[in-house]
């Protein structure tokens, strides 16, 4: 199987280095995914747009700009409500027994 060679930051040309600077600003490092996508710097730059507007905007706090953390982890649900069956009644799946 053919593999795509990663473009390491120290091997990058001027256009790729410019995009890598933006990646570092967003994430603090250059991921392997970014190093593969860097064969097309415009594609990597385009990938950064939804990361910034969707992912990172929802992670950063409005006040501090730092990632939000939950005080307690959520508990997993013990039962799951399934869609309405053909009889019109809702079914419940059997969750783990206490």
N, C-alpha and C. Protein backbone atom coordinates (compact mmCIF):
# COMPACT_ATOMS: atom_id res chain seq x y z
N UNK A 1 0.84 -1.16 0.00
CA UNK A 1 0.00 0.00 0.00
C UNK A 1 0.90 1.25 0.00
N UNK A 2 0.56 2.18 -0.85
CA UNK A 2 1.32 3.43 -0.92
C UNK A 2 0.99 4.31 0.27
N UNK A 3 1.98 5.02 0.74
CA UNK A 3 1.78 5.93 1.87
C UNK A 3 2.14 7.34 1.44
N UNK A 4 1.48 8.30 2.05
CA UNK A 4 1.77 9.70 1.77
C UNK A 4 2.84 10.16 2.75
N UNK A 5 3.87 10.73 2.22
CA UNK A 5 4.98 11.21 3.05
C UNK A 5 4.57 12.50 3.76
N UNK A 6 4.90 12.58 5.04
CA UNK A 6 4.61 13.79 5.81
C UNK A 6 5.65 14.85 5.50
N UNK A 7 5.21 16.09 5.48
CA UNK A 7 6.13 17.21 5.29
C UNK A 7 6.45 17.76 6.68
N UNK A 8 7.66 17.50 7.12
CA UNK A 8 8.09 17.96 8.43
C UNK A 8 8.23 19.48 8.42
N UNK A 9 7.96 20.14 9.55
CA UNK A 9 8.04 21.61 9.59
C UNK A 9 9.38 22.16 9.11
N UNK A 10 10.48 21.47 9.42
CA UNK A 10 11.79 21.98 9.00
C UNK A 10 12.05 21.80 7.50
N UNK A 11 11.23 20.97 6.83
CA UNK A 11 11.39 20.74 5.38
C UNK A 11 10.40 21.56 4.55
N UNK A 12 9.53 22.29 5.20
CA UNK A 12 8.45 22.99 4.51
C UNK A 12 8.95 24.19 3.71
N UNK A 13 8.26 24.42 2.58
CA UNK A 13 8.57 25.62 1.79
C UNK A 13 7.86 26.82 2.43
N UNK A 14 8.01 27.99 1.82
CA UNK A 14 7.48 29.23 2.41
C UNK A 14 5.96 29.19 2.59
N UNK A 15 5.21 28.71 1.58
CA UNK A 15 3.75 28.66 1.68
C UNK A 15 3.30 27.72 2.79
N UNK A 16 3.93 26.57 2.85
CA UNK A 16 3.56 25.58 3.86
C UNK A 16 3.94 26.08 5.26
N UNK A 17 5.09 26.73 5.39
CA UNK A 17 5.50 27.27 6.68
C UNK A 17 4.49 28.29 7.20
N UNK A 18 3.97 29.07 6.29
CA UNK A 18 2.98 30.09 6.66
C UNK A 18 1.72 29.42 7.23
N UNK A 19 1.27 28.35 6.59
CA UNK A 19 0.10 27.63 7.07
C UNK A 19 0.43 26.91 8.38
N UNK A 20 1.62 26.35 8.49
CA UNK A 20 2.04 25.69 9.73
C UNK A 20 2.02 26.66 10.91
N UNK A 21 2.37 27.92 10.66
CA UNK A 21 2.32 28.92 11.73
C UNK A 21 0.89 29.06 12.27
N UNK A 22 -0.08 29.04 11.36
CA UNK A 22 -1.48 29.11 11.78
C UNK A 22 -1.91 27.87 12.56
N UNK A 23 -1.42 26.69 12.13
CA UNK A 23 -1.74 25.45 12.83
C UNK A 23 -1.16 25.49 14.24
N UNK A 24 0.08 25.95 14.36
CA UNK A 24 0.71 26.06 15.69
C UNK A 24 -0.07 27.02 16.58
N UNK A 25 -0.56 28.09 15.98
CA UNK A 25 -1.33 29.07 16.76
C UNK A 25 -2.62 28.44 17.29
N UNK A 26 -3.28 27.61 16.46
CA UNK A 26 -4.52 26.96 16.87
C UNK A 26 -4.29 25.86 17.89
N UNK A 27 -3.32 24.99 17.63
CA UNK A 27 -3.19 23.76 18.40
C UNK A 27 -1.91 23.68 19.24
N UNK A 28 -0.96 24.54 18.98
CA UNK A 28 0.28 24.49 19.75
C UNK A 28 1.32 23.52 19.20
N UNK A 29 0.97 22.78 18.17
CA UNK A 29 1.89 21.82 17.56
C UNK A 29 1.42 21.50 16.15
N UNK A 30 2.25 20.81 15.39
CA UNK A 30 1.90 20.38 14.04
C UNK A 30 1.58 18.89 14.11
N UNK A 31 0.32 18.53 13.90
CA UNK A 31 -0.10 17.13 13.97
C UNK A 31 0.36 16.37 12.72
N UNK A 32 0.35 15.04 12.81
CA UNK A 32 0.68 14.23 11.64
C UNK A 32 -0.33 14.47 10.52
N UNK A 33 -1.61 14.63 10.87
CA UNK A 33 -2.63 14.92 9.87
C UNK A 33 -2.27 16.18 9.10
N UNK A 34 -1.85 17.23 9.81
CA UNK A 34 -1.47 18.48 9.15
C UNK A 34 -0.26 18.29 8.25
N UNK A 35 0.69 17.47 8.68
CA UNK A 35 1.89 17.23 7.89
C UNK A 35 1.57 16.47 6.60
N UNK A 36 0.55 15.64 6.62
CA UNK A 36 0.13 14.94 5.40
C UNK A 36 -0.65 15.90 4.50
N UNK A 37 -1.57 16.64 5.08
CA UNK A 37 -2.41 17.55 4.29
C UNK A 37 -1.59 18.72 3.73
N UNK A 38 -0.40 18.95 4.26
CA UNK A 38 0.43 20.08 3.83
C UNK A 38 0.94 19.95 2.39
N UNK A 39 0.74 18.80 1.76
CA UNK A 39 1.10 18.69 0.34
C UNK A 39 0.27 19.67 -0.48
N UNK A 40 -0.88 20.04 0.05
CA UNK A 40 -1.72 21.07 -0.55
C UNK A 40 -1.97 22.13 0.52
N UNK A 41 -1.11 23.13 0.64
CA UNK A 41 -1.26 24.13 1.71
C UNK A 41 -2.63 24.80 1.73
N UNK A 42 -3.24 24.99 0.56
CA UNK A 42 -4.57 25.61 0.53
C UNK A 42 -5.61 24.70 1.19
N UNK A 43 -5.46 23.39 1.02
CA UNK A 43 -6.39 22.45 1.66
C UNK A 43 -6.21 22.47 3.17
N UNK A 44 -4.97 22.54 3.64
CA UNK A 44 -4.73 22.62 5.08
C UNK A 44 -5.28 23.92 5.65
N UNK A 45 -5.07 25.01 4.94
CA UNK A 45 -5.62 26.30 5.39
C UNK A 45 -7.14 26.24 5.42
N UNK A 46 -7.74 25.59 4.41
CA UNK A 46 -9.20 25.45 4.40
C UNK A 46 -9.70 24.58 5.53
N UNK A 47 -8.94 23.57 5.92
CA UNK A 47 -9.32 22.69 7.04
C UNK A 47 -9.29 23.46 8.36
N UNK A 48 -8.42 24.44 8.46
CA UNK A 48 -8.30 25.21 9.70
C UNK A 48 -9.52 26.09 9.95
N UNK A 49 -10.23 26.50 8.91
CA UNK A 49 -11.39 27.38 9.09
C UNK A 49 -12.50 26.74 9.92
N UNK A 50 -12.99 25.53 9.56
CA UNK A 50 -14.02 24.95 10.42
C UNK A 50 -13.49 24.57 11.80
N UNK A 51 -12.21 24.23 11.90
CA UNK A 51 -11.65 23.96 13.22
C UNK A 51 -11.79 25.17 14.12
N UNK A 52 -11.49 26.33 13.57
CA UNK A 52 -11.54 27.56 14.36
C UNK A 52 -12.99 27.94 14.69
N UNK A 53 -13.85 27.90 13.70
CA UNK A 53 -15.21 28.40 13.91
C UNK A 53 -16.12 27.41 14.63
N UNK A 54 -15.92 26.12 14.43
CA UNK A 54 -16.82 25.13 15.05
C UNK A 54 -16.19 24.53 16.29
N UNK A 55 -15.05 23.89 16.13
CA UNK A 55 -14.45 23.16 17.26
C UNK A 55 -13.91 24.08 18.33
N UNK A 56 -12.99 24.93 17.98
CA UNK A 56 -12.31 25.73 18.99
C UNK A 56 -13.20 26.78 19.61
N UNK A 57 -14.11 27.35 18.84
CA UNK A 57 -15.02 28.36 19.40
C UNK A 57 -15.91 27.76 20.48
N UNK A 58 -16.24 26.48 20.36
CA UNK A 58 -17.08 25.84 21.37
C UNK A 58 -16.27 25.35 22.57
N UNK A 59 -14.97 25.25 22.42
CA UNK A 59 -14.13 24.74 23.51
C UNK A 59 -13.64 25.88 24.39
N UNK A 60 -13.36 27.01 23.81
CA UNK A 60 -12.78 28.12 24.56
C UNK A 60 -13.85 28.88 25.35
N UNK A 61 -13.49 29.26 26.52
CA UNK A 61 -14.37 30.03 27.37
C UNK A 61 -14.40 31.48 26.86
N UNK A 62 -15.56 32.11 27.00
CA UNK A 62 -15.71 33.48 26.53
C UNK A 62 -14.86 34.44 27.37
N UNK A 63 -14.71 34.15 28.63
CA UNK A 63 -14.00 35.07 29.52
C UNK A 63 -12.49 34.90 29.45
N UNK A 64 -12.02 33.69 29.64
CA UNK A 64 -10.58 33.50 29.79
C UNK A 64 -9.87 33.08 28.52
N UNK A 65 -10.62 32.55 27.55
CA UNK A 65 -9.98 32.07 26.33
C UNK A 65 -9.33 30.71 26.52
N UNK A 66 -9.49 30.13 27.72
CA UNK A 66 -8.90 28.81 27.96
C UNK A 66 -9.97 27.74 27.83
N UNK A 67 -9.58 26.50 27.56
CA UNK A 67 -10.57 25.44 27.41
C UNK A 67 -11.40 25.25 28.68
N UNK A 68 -12.69 24.99 28.50
CA UNK A 68 -13.57 24.71 29.63
C UNK A 68 -13.38 23.28 30.08
N UNK A 69 -13.45 23.05 31.35
CA UNK A 69 -13.36 21.70 31.89
C UNK A 69 -14.56 21.47 32.79
N UNK A 70 -15.08 20.26 32.74
CA UNK A 70 -16.19 19.90 33.62
C UNK A 70 -15.65 19.60 35.01
N UNK A 71 -16.44 19.94 36.01
CA UNK A 71 -16.00 19.64 37.36
C UNK A 71 -16.14 18.15 37.65
N UNK A 72 -17.17 17.51 37.10
CA UNK A 72 -17.37 16.07 37.30
C UNK A 72 -17.62 15.43 35.95
N UNK A 73 -17.11 14.23 35.73
CA UNK A 73 -17.44 13.54 34.47
C UNK A 73 -18.89 13.10 34.48
N UNK A 74 -19.50 13.07 33.32
CA UNK A 74 -20.89 12.62 33.22
C UNK A 74 -20.97 11.11 33.43
N UNK A 75 -22.07 10.68 34.04
CA UNK A 75 -22.30 9.25 34.20
C UNK A 75 -22.93 8.71 32.92
N UNK A 76 -22.58 7.50 32.58
CA UNK A 76 -23.16 6.85 31.40
C UNK A 76 -24.60 6.45 31.73
N UNK A 77 -25.47 6.54 30.75
CA UNK A 77 -26.87 6.16 30.95
C UNK A 77 -26.96 4.64 31.13
N UNK A 78 -27.87 4.22 32.00
CA UNK A 78 -28.03 2.78 32.21
C UNK A 78 -29.07 2.21 31.28
N UNK A 79 -29.96 3.04 30.75
CA UNK A 79 -30.94 2.57 29.78
C UNK A 79 -30.92 3.51 28.59
N UNK A 80 -31.43 3.00 27.49
CA UNK A 80 -31.46 3.80 26.27
C UNK A 80 -32.86 3.72 25.69
N UNK A 81 -33.47 4.86 25.44
CA UNK A 81 -34.80 4.86 24.85
C UNK A 81 -34.65 4.70 23.35
N UNK A 82 -35.34 3.71 22.81
CA UNK A 82 -35.27 3.43 21.38
C UNK A 82 -36.44 4.10 20.67
N UNK A 83 -36.36 4.25 19.36
CA UNK A 83 -37.46 4.88 18.62
C UNK A 83 -38.76 4.10 18.78
N UNK A 84 -39.84 4.75 18.45
CA UNK A 84 -41.16 4.14 18.56
C UNK A 84 -41.23 2.88 17.70
N UNK A 85 -41.80 1.83 18.25
CA UNK A 85 -41.94 0.58 17.50
C UNK A 85 -43.15 0.66 16.57
N UNK A 86 -43.38 -0.39 15.83
CA UNK A 86 -44.51 -0.40 14.88
C UNK A 86 -45.85 -0.39 15.59
N UNK A 87 -45.89 -0.73 16.87
CA UNK A 87 -47.15 -0.71 17.62
C UNK A 87 -47.47 0.67 18.14
N UNK A 88 -46.54 1.62 17.99
CA UNK A 88 -46.77 2.98 18.47
C UNK A 88 -46.32 3.18 19.90
N UNK A 89 -45.87 2.14 20.56
CA UNK A 89 -45.39 2.26 21.93
C UNK A 89 -43.87 2.37 21.92
N UNK A 90 -43.36 3.09 22.85
CA UNK A 90 -41.90 3.23 22.94
C UNK A 90 -41.33 2.02 23.63
N UNK A 91 -40.19 1.57 23.14
CA UNK A 91 -39.50 0.43 23.73
C UNK A 91 -38.32 0.93 24.52
N UNK A 92 -37.91 0.21 25.50
CA UNK A 92 -36.70 0.53 26.26
C UNK A 92 -35.75 -0.65 26.18
N UNK A 93 -34.52 -0.36 25.97
CA UNK A 93 -33.54 -1.44 25.94
C UNK A 93 -33.18 -1.82 27.37
N UNK A 94 -32.76 -3.00 27.53
CA UNK A 94 -32.35 -3.46 28.86
C UNK A 94 -30.92 -2.99 29.12
N UNK A 95 -30.77 -2.18 30.10
CA UNK A 95 -29.44 -1.72 30.47
C UNK A 95 -28.82 -2.67 31.46
N UNK A 96 -27.66 -2.35 31.97
CA UNK A 96 -27.04 -3.20 32.96
C UNK A 96 -27.89 -3.27 34.21
N UNK A 97 -27.97 -4.41 34.80
CA UNK A 97 -28.77 -4.61 36.02
C UNK A 97 -27.95 -4.16 37.22
N UNK A 98 -28.60 -3.46 38.15
CA UNK A 98 -27.86 -2.97 39.35
C UNK A 98 -27.46 -4.09 40.26
